[in-house]
Amino acid sequence: MNGLIVHCYSGYTYAERPASFCWQGMEYEVKEIEKEWREPGKRCFQVRTEDNKLFRLCYNETDKEWSLTELAGG
């Protein structure tokens, strides 16, 4: 996704837990990971930011790219 940079905790694998991300020129701190799941070839996280917005972040392990979707209810 254009303009998306994700900073994450990586232990034994990459993208174990997103900590913050830059999107559309704004830096967002992840306050809480509300949900975490796997899809074929992807790791996905539903996160709430410090300013109480809700996003879905998915890491495509094949393309090594993050995607972001802003969710309603934030």
N, C-alpha and C. Protein backbone atom coordinates (compact mmCIF):
# COMPACT_ATOMS: atom_id res chain seq x y z
N MET A 1 0.85 -1.19 0.00
CA MET A 1 0.00 0.00 0.00
C MET A 1 0.88 1.24 0.00
N ASN A 2 0.55 2.17 -0.81
CA ASN A 2 1.35 3.38 -0.98
C ASN A 2 1.34 4.23 0.29
N GLY A 3 2.54 4.59 0.75
CA GLY A 3 2.63 5.50 1.88
C GLY A 3 2.43 4.86 3.24
N LEU A 4 2.43 3.55 3.34
CA LEU A 4 2.22 2.87 4.61
C LEU A 4 3.54 2.28 5.09
N ILE A 5 3.94 2.66 6.30
CA ILE A 5 5.14 2.10 6.93
C ILE A 5 4.71 1.56 8.29
N VAL A 6 4.98 0.30 8.55
CA VAL A 6 4.58 -0.32 9.81
C VAL A 6 5.83 -0.67 10.61
N HIS A 7 5.86 -0.26 11.87
CA HIS A 7 6.92 -0.63 12.79
C HIS A 7 6.34 -1.72 13.68
N CYS A 8 7.03 -2.86 13.75
CA CYS A 8 6.47 -3.96 14.51
C CYS A 8 7.53 -4.66 15.33
N TYR A 9 7.05 -5.35 16.35
CA TYR A 9 7.91 -6.22 17.14
C TYR A 9 8.12 -7.48 16.33
N SER A 10 9.36 -7.90 16.21
CA SER A 10 9.67 -9.14 15.51
C SER A 10 10.59 -9.96 16.40
N GLY A 11 10.11 -11.11 16.81
CA GLY A 11 10.92 -12.02 17.61
C GLY A 11 11.50 -13.08 16.69
N TYR A 12 10.97 -14.28 16.79
CA TYR A 12 11.48 -15.37 15.95
C TYR A 12 10.99 -15.28 14.52
N THR A 13 9.93 -14.49 14.26
CA THR A 13 9.48 -14.24 12.88
C THR A 13 9.21 -12.75 12.74
N TYR A 14 9.16 -12.28 11.49
CA TYR A 14 8.84 -10.88 11.23
C TYR A 14 7.34 -10.66 11.44
N ALA A 15 7.00 -9.47 11.84
CA ALA A 15 5.60 -9.03 11.95
C ALA A 15 4.83 -9.80 13.01
N GLU A 16 5.44 -9.98 14.18
CA GLU A 16 4.71 -10.65 15.25
C GLU A 16 3.66 -9.75 15.88
N ARG A 17 3.97 -8.45 15.97
CA ARG A 17 3.03 -7.54 16.65
C ARG A 17 3.30 -6.10 16.20
N PRO A 18 2.34 -5.44 15.51
CA PRO A 18 2.55 -4.05 15.11
C PRO A 18 2.57 -3.13 16.33
N ALA A 19 3.52 -2.19 16.36
CA ALA A 19 3.65 -1.25 17.47
C ALA A 19 3.21 0.15 17.08
N SER A 20 3.46 0.52 15.83
CA SER A 20 3.05 1.83 15.31
C SER A 20 3.09 1.77 13.79
N PHE A 21 2.46 2.75 13.16
CA PHE A 21 2.52 2.83 11.71
C PHE A 21 2.36 4.27 11.25
N CYS A 22 2.92 4.56 10.09
CA CYS A 22 2.80 5.86 9.44
C CYS A 22 1.89 5.67 8.24
N TRP A 23 0.87 6.50 8.13
CA TRP A 23 -0.08 6.41 7.04
C TRP A 23 -0.59 7.80 6.72
N GLN A 24 -0.58 8.17 5.47
CA GLN A 24 -1.04 9.49 4.99
C GLN A 24 -0.37 10.62 5.77
N GLY A 25 0.93 10.46 6.03
CA GLY A 25 1.69 11.50 6.70
C GLY A 25 1.49 11.60 8.20
N MET A 26 0.72 10.69 8.78
CA MET A 26 0.45 10.69 10.23
C MET A 26 1.07 9.47 10.87
N GLU A 27 1.58 9.64 12.09
CA GLU A 27 2.12 8.52 12.87
C GLU A 27 1.06 8.08 13.86
N TYR A 28 0.77 6.80 13.89
CA TYR A 28 -0.23 6.23 14.80
C TYR A 28 0.47 5.24 15.72
N GLU A 29 0.25 5.38 17.02
CA GLU A 29 0.75 4.42 18.00
C GLU A 29 -0.34 3.39 18.27
N VAL A 30 0.02 2.12 18.25
CA VAL A 30 -0.95 1.06 18.55
C VAL A 30 -1.11 0.96 20.06
N LYS A 31 -2.32 1.23 20.53
CA LYS A 31 -2.62 1.14 21.95
C LYS A 31 -2.98 -0.29 22.33
N GLU A 32 -3.71 -0.96 21.44
CA GLU A 32 -4.21 -2.30 21.76
C GLU A 32 -4.39 -3.11 20.49
N ILE A 33 -4.00 -4.37 20.54
CA ILE A 33 -4.33 -5.31 19.46
C ILE A 33 -5.58 -6.04 19.91
N GLU A 34 -6.70 -5.74 19.26
CA GLU A 34 -7.99 -6.30 19.69
C GLU A 34 -8.20 -7.71 19.15
N LYS A 35 -7.62 -7.99 18.00
CA LYS A 35 -7.81 -9.31 17.40
C LYS A 35 -6.60 -9.61 16.52
N GLU A 36 -6.26 -10.88 16.44
CA GLU A 36 -5.13 -11.32 15.61
C GLU A 36 -5.53 -12.64 14.96
N TRP A 37 -5.29 -12.77 13.65
CA TRP A 37 -5.63 -14.01 12.97
C TRP A 37 -4.73 -14.19 11.76
N ARG A 38 -4.78 -15.40 11.23
CA ARG A 38 -4.02 -15.73 10.02
C ARG A 38 -4.98 -16.03 8.89
N GLU A 39 -4.59 -15.60 7.71
CA GLU A 39 -5.27 -15.98 6.48
C GLU A 39 -4.19 -16.63 5.62
N PRO A 40 -4.55 -17.34 4.56
CA PRO A 40 -3.51 -17.97 3.74
C PRO A 40 -2.46 -16.95 3.28
N GLY A 41 -1.23 -17.12 3.75
CA GLY A 41 -0.14 -16.24 3.37
C GLY A 41 -0.13 -14.87 4.04
N LYS A 42 -0.98 -14.67 5.02
CA LYS A 42 -1.09 -13.35 5.67
C LYS A 42 -1.20 -13.47 7.18
N ARG A 43 -0.69 -12.44 7.85
CA ARG A 43 -0.92 -12.24 9.30
C ARG A 43 -1.73 -10.97 9.42
N CYS A 44 -2.85 -11.02 10.12
CA CYS A 44 -3.74 -9.86 10.21
C CYS A 44 -3.97 -9.48 11.67
N PHE A 45 -4.14 -8.18 11.87
CA PHE A 45 -4.33 -7.62 13.20
C PHE A 45 -5.42 -6.56 13.14
N GLN A 46 -6.33 -6.59 14.10
CA GLN A 46 -7.26 -5.47 14.29
C GLN A 46 -6.71 -4.68 15.46
N VAL A 47 -6.35 -3.42 15.20
CA VAL A 47 -5.68 -2.61 16.22
C VAL A 47 -6.45 -1.34 16.51
N ARG A 48 -6.33 -0.88 17.75
CA ARG A 48 -6.88 0.41 18.16
C ARG A 48 -5.70 1.31 18.48
N THR A 49 -5.75 2.54 17.96
CA THR A 49 -4.65 3.48 18.14
C THR A 49 -4.86 4.35 19.38
N GLU A 50 -3.82 5.09 19.75
CA GLU A 50 -3.89 5.97 20.91
C GLU A 50 -5.02 6.99 20.79
N ASP A 51 -5.33 7.41 19.56
CA ASP A 51 -6.43 8.38 19.37
C ASP A 51 -7.77 7.67 19.11
N ASN A 52 -7.85 6.38 19.49
CA ASN A 52 -9.08 5.59 19.51
C ASN A 52 -9.65 5.29 18.12
N LYS A 53 -8.79 5.22 17.10
CA LYS A 53 -9.24 4.80 15.78
C LYS A 53 -8.99 3.30 15.64
N LEU A 54 -9.79 2.68 14.78
CA LEU A 54 -9.73 1.23 14.60
C LEU A 54 -9.26 0.92 13.18
N PHE A 55 -8.25 0.04 13.06
CA PHE A 55 -7.68 -0.32 11.77
C PHE A 55 -7.47 -1.82 11.69
N ARG A 56 -7.46 -2.32 10.45
CA ARG A 56 -7.03 -3.69 10.20
C ARG A 56 -5.71 -3.60 9.43
N LEU A 57 -4.67 -4.21 9.98
CA LEU A 57 -3.36 -4.28 9.33
C LEU A 57 -3.12 -5.73 8.94
N CYS A 58 -2.73 -5.95 7.69
CA CYS A 58 -2.42 -7.31 7.24
C CYS A 58 -1.05 -7.32 6.58
N TYR A 59 -0.24 -8.30 6.93
CA TYR A 59 1.08 -8.46 6.33
C TYR A 59 1.04 -9.64 5.38
N ASN A 60 1.28 -9.37 4.09
CA ASN A 60 1.33 -10.41 3.08
C ASN A 60 2.73 -11.00 3.09
N GLU A 61 2.86 -12.24 3.53
CA GLU A 61 4.17 -12.87 3.71
C GLU A 61 4.84 -13.18 2.36
N THR A 62 4.07 -13.36 1.31
CA THR A 62 4.64 -13.63 -0.01
C THR A 62 5.21 -12.36 -0.63
N ASP A 63 4.40 -11.29 -0.64
CA ASP A 63 4.81 -10.03 -1.25
C ASP A 63 5.64 -9.16 -0.30
N LYS A 64 5.66 -9.55 0.99
CA LYS A 64 6.36 -8.77 2.02
C LYS A 64 5.88 -7.32 2.05
N GLU A 65 4.55 -7.17 2.01
CA GLU A 65 3.92 -5.87 2.04
C GLU A 65 2.79 -5.82 3.05
N TRP A 66 2.61 -4.66 3.66
CA TRP A 66 1.50 -4.41 4.58
C TRP A 66 0.35 -3.78 3.83
N SER A 67 -0.85 -4.07 4.27
CA SER A 67 -2.04 -3.36 3.78
C SER A 67 -2.80 -2.87 5.00
N LEU A 68 -3.57 -1.81 4.81
CA LEU A 68 -4.28 -1.18 5.93
C LEU A 68 -5.69 -0.85 5.49
N THR A 69 -6.63 -1.09 6.40
CA THR A 69 -8.02 -0.70 6.20
C THR A 69 -8.49 0.01 7.45
N GLU A 70 -9.04 1.21 7.29
CA GLU A 70 -9.62 1.91 8.45
C GLU A 70 -11.03 1.36 8.65
N LEU A 71 -11.36 1.01 9.89
CA LEU A 71 -12.62 0.39 10.21
C LEU A 71 -13.56 1.38 10.88
N ALA A 72 -14.85 1.19 10.68
CA ALA A 72 -15.84 2.00 11.38
C ALA A 72 -15.86 1.59 12.85
N GLY A 73 -16.35 2.45 13.68
CA GLY A 73 -16.43 2.14 15.10
C GLY A 73 -15.21 2.58 15.86
N GLY A 74 -14.39 3.34 15.21
CA GLY A 74 -13.18 3.84 15.85
C GLY A 74 -13.43 5.09 16.62
